[in-house]
Protein backbone atom coordinates (compact mmCIF):
# COMPACT_ATOMS: atom_id res chain seq x y z
CA MET A 1 7.36 17.35 15.67
CA PRO A 2 3.85 16.33 16.35
CA THR A 3 2.52 16.20 12.88
CA VAL A 4 5.48 14.18 11.62
CA LEU A 5 4.62 11.61 14.09
CA ALA A 6 0.99 11.92 13.55
CA VAL A 7 1.90 11.48 9.81
CA ALA A 8 4.23 8.30 10.65
CA SER A 9 1.91 6.66 12.81
CA GLU A 10 -0.91 6.65 10.10
CA ILE A 11 1.97 5.28 7.91
CA VAL A 12 2.89 2.22 9.94
CA ALA A 13 -0.64 1.32 10.74
CA ASN A 14 -0.92 -0.09 6.79
CA SER A 15 0.02 -3.40 5.80
CA PRO A 16 3.97 -3.72 5.16
CA PHE A 17 3.72 -4.96 1.84
CA GLY A 18 1.36 -1.87 1.00
CA VAL A 19 3.43 0.72 2.39
CA TRP A 20 6.67 -0.91 0.45
CA MET A 21 4.99 -0.93 -2.50
CA THR A 22 3.69 2.41 -2.71
CA LYS A 23 7.41 3.35 -2.26
CA GLU A 24 8.77 1.17 -5.09
CA THR A 25 5.16 2.77 -7.25
CA LEU A 26 6.65 6.30 -6.23
CA TRP A 27 9.75 6.16 -7.02
CA ALA A 28 9.55 4.05 -10.60
CA ASN A 29 7.17 6.80 -11.54
CA LEU A 30 9.51 9.27 -11.58
CA GLU A 31 11.40 7.85 -14.44
CA THR A 32 7.85 6.91 -16.41
CA PRO A 33 8.14 8.53 -19.83
CA SER A 34 4.28 8.55 -20.12
CA LEU A 35 0.99 8.55 -18.21
CA ARG A 36 -0.05 5.00 -19.84
CA ALA A 37 3.29 3.47 -18.24
CA GLY A 38 2.43 4.90 -15.12
CA ILE A 39 -0.57 3.60 -15.05
CA ASP A 40 0.41 0.18 -16.05
CA ILE A 41 2.94 0.36 -12.76
CA GLU A 42 0.07 1.40 -10.48
CA ASN A 43 -1.62 -1.29 -11.69
CA ARG A 44 0.75 -4.27 -11.83
CA THR A 45 1.26 -2.91 -8.06
CA GLN A 46 -2.83 -3.41 -6.96
CA ILE A 47 -3.00 -6.89 -9.09
CA LEU A 48 0.47 -8.09 -6.65
CA ALA A 49 -1.05 -6.48 -3.45
CA SER A 50 -4.35 -8.49 -4.41
CA PHE A 51 -2.83 -11.63 -4.27
CA THR A 52 -1.53 -11.33 -0.32
CA GLU A 53 -3.02 -12.57 2.54
CA ASP A 54 -2.84 -9.11 4.09
CA SER A 55 -5.32 -7.75 1.28
CA ARG A 56 -7.31 -10.39 2.74
CA ARG A 57 -7.07 -9.34 6.08
CA ALA A 58 -7.75 -5.70 4.79
CA MET A 59 -11.39 -6.62 3.14
CA SER A 60 -12.63 -8.75 6.05
CA GLY A 61 -11.31 -5.89 8.80
CA PHE A 62 -13.16 -3.01 6.72
CA LEU A 63 -16.19 -5.48 6.80
CA ALA A 64 -15.87 -5.96 10.47
CA GLY A 65 -15.47 -2.34 11.04
CA GLU A 66 -11.72 -3.46 12.72
CA ARG A 67 -8.40 -2.90 12.49
CA PRO A 68 -6.30 -5.42 10.00
CA ASP A 69 -3.55 -7.43 12.59
CA TRP A 70 -1.07 -7.26 9.60
CA GLN A 71 1.04 -10.34 8.83
CA ASN A 72 3.39 -9.12 5.85
CA LYS A 73 2.44 -12.30 3.93
């Protein structure tokens, strides 16, 4: 149980949009017909995520050495 709680804490420390899209991409890739299709799904997800406000917060937080305050925007 302590290990499960530690992993859960790591997951919730991330952007809600990022966690959601990671799960969506994981499920979508279970049914992809090829590696190329899987890479295309991942690329699309990365592009979508890069347009979020939380993406900018992540970058500024990283550069400042601080944990971002996620707004789920």
